[in-house]
Amino acid sequence: MASAYKNIAALVAATGDVIIYTCPSVTQALIKNLNLYNSHSGTIVVYPKITDSSASVTVTLQKVTLVTLASSSESADRSLAGPFVLEAGDTLKLNCDTASKIYAFASVLEISR
């Protein structure tokens, strides 16, 4: 078995479900964590999701409300701790209510057969 550590960096460029990572064929992936950052001047709601391709099911991991940097009471970033396990063909998606303002960074370990 071969393993490779990957960093996934993405700007979520649209509203609705946007795929930021797809687990390659004959591979399993462990997403250690997912960091989200709001670069917008207002609050944005983000729904991180995983689609299990073998079961044709998409699950929402959590509803994340990211405030703006101007807010002194909360942080403009959020980290979701894994691990989240993906099999070949499974996807990590983000659904945001505002486009091009959420930056995502995920640490992934891919294990190939």
Protein backbone atom coordinates (compact mmCIF):
# COMPACT_ATOMS: atom_id res chain seq x y z
CA MET A 1 0.00 0.00 0.00
CA ALA A 2 1.22 3.46 -0.89
CA SER A 3 0.30 6.55 1.04
CA ALA A 4 0.53 10.22 0.17
CA TYR A 5 -0.19 13.33 2.22
CA LYS A 6 -2.04 16.05 0.35
CA ASN A 7 -3.18 19.56 1.08
CA ILE A 8 -6.41 20.68 -0.52
CA ALA A 9 -6.74 24.45 -0.83
CA ALA A 10 -9.83 25.95 -2.46
CA LEU A 11 -11.83 29.10 -2.84
CA VAL A 12 -15.51 28.16 -2.95
CA ALA A 13 -16.39 30.02 -6.15
CA ALA A 14 -20.15 29.39 -6.28
CA THR A 15 -23.21 28.99 -4.12
CA GLY A 16 -24.75 25.57 -3.79
CA ASP A 17 -22.78 22.33 -3.47
CA VAL A 18 -19.18 22.78 -4.69
CA ILE A 19 -16.87 19.76 -4.76
CA ILE A 20 -13.46 20.58 -3.32
CA TYR A 21 -12.09 17.02 -3.19
CA THR A 22 -12.86 13.67 -4.81
CA CYS A 23 -11.20 10.51 -3.52
CA PRO A 24 -9.34 8.85 -6.44
CA SER A 25 -10.13 5.33 -7.64
CA VAL A 26 -8.55 2.39 -5.75
CA THR A 27 -7.84 4.79 -2.89
CA GLN A 28 -9.15 5.57 0.57
CA ALA A 29 -8.65 9.00 2.08
CA LEU A 30 -8.56 10.30 5.63
CA ILE A 31 -9.40 13.97 6.00
CA LYS A 32 -7.67 14.97 9.22
CA ASN A 33 -9.19 18.42 9.45
CA LEU A 34 -10.98 21.05 7.40
CA ASN A 35 -10.27 24.73 7.99
CA LEU A 36 -12.67 27.39 6.73
CA TYR A 37 -11.98 31.14 6.52
CA ASN A 38 -14.43 33.96 5.76
CA SER A 39 -12.93 36.82 3.71
CA HIS A 40 -16.30 38.57 3.30
CA SER A 41 -17.51 41.72 5.05
CA GLY A 42 -20.54 39.86 6.43
CA THR A 43 -21.52 36.59 8.02
CA ILE A 44 -21.63 33.49 5.80
CA VAL A 45 -23.26 30.12 6.52
CA VAL A 46 -21.37 27.07 5.24
CA TYR A 47 -22.54 23.45 5.11
CA PRO A 48 -19.61 21.01 4.78
CA LYS A 49 -20.87 17.76 3.23
CA ILE A 50 -19.59 14.33 2.28
CA THR A 51 -21.17 12.25 -0.47
CA ASP A 52 -20.83 8.48 -0.10
CA SER A 53 -20.86 7.42 -3.76
CA SER A 54 -21.45 3.73 -3.02
CA ALA A 55 -24.60 4.50 -1.03
CA SER A 56 -25.68 7.54 -3.10
CA VAL A 57 -26.09 9.55 0.11
CA THR A 58 -24.91 13.04 0.99
CA VAL A 59 -24.59 13.99 4.66
CA THR A 60 -24.09 17.42 6.15
CA LEU A 61 -21.33 17.35 8.73
CA GLN A 62 -22.30 20.55 10.49
CA LYS A 63 -23.82 23.99 9.95
CA VAL A 64 -20.99 26.50 10.29
CA THR A 65 -21.65 30.21 10.70
CA LEU A 66 -18.57 32.28 9.95
CA VAL A 67 -18.62 35.91 11.02
CA THR A 68 -16.59 38.68 9.46
CA LEU A 69 -13.17 39.79 10.66
CA ALA A 70 -14.76 43.05 11.82
CA SER A 71 -16.64 41.17 14.54
CA SER A 72 -14.71 41.35 17.77
CA SER A 73 -16.68 38.64 19.57
CA GLU A 74 -15.97 35.67 17.26
CA SER A 75 -13.36 34.38 14.84
CA ALA A 76 -13.61 34.57 11.04
CA ASP A 77 -12.30 31.03 10.76
CA ARG A 78 -13.38 27.57 11.90
CA SER A 79 -11.79 24.15 11.99
CA LEU A 80 -13.69 20.86 11.75
CA ALA A 81 -11.71 18.03 13.27
CA GLY A 82 -11.80 14.63 11.61
CA PRO A 83 -10.88 12.14 10.75
CA PHE A 84 -13.43 11.80 7.99
CA VAL A 85 -12.99 8.63 5.91
CA LEU A 86 -13.66 8.69 2.17
CA GLU A 87 -13.65 5.74 -0.20
CA ALA A 88 -12.97 5.82 -3.94
CA GLY A 89 -15.40 8.22 -5.64
CA ASP A 90 -16.59 9.88 -2.42
CA THR A 91 -16.56 13.69 -2.41
CA LEU A 92 -16.07 16.52 0.05
CA LYS A 93 -18.37 19.44 -0.75
CA LEU A 94 -19.01 22.89 0.64
CA ASN A 95 -22.31 24.72 0.30
CA CYS A 96 -22.12 28.48 0.96
CA ASP A 97 -24.74 31.19 0.77
CA THR A 98 -22.21 33.66 -0.73
CA ALA A 99 -19.77 32.84 -3.56
CA SER A 100 -16.03 33.50 -3.68
CA LYS A 101 -15.62 34.47 -0.03
CA ILE A 102 -14.90 31.17 1.76
CA TYR A 103 -11.42 29.68 1.65
CA ALA A 104 -11.02 26.02 2.58
CA PHE A 105 -7.93 24.06 3.51
CA ALA A 106 -7.99 20.32 4.19
CA SER A 107 -5.24 17.94 5.25
CA VAL A 108 -5.71 14.57 3.53
CA LEU A 109 -3.93 11.22 3.71
CA GLU A 110 -4.54 9.10 0.60
CA ILE A 111 -3.93 5.35 0.90
CA SER A 112 -3.78 3.45 -2.39
CA ARG A 113 -4.00 -0.29 -2.89
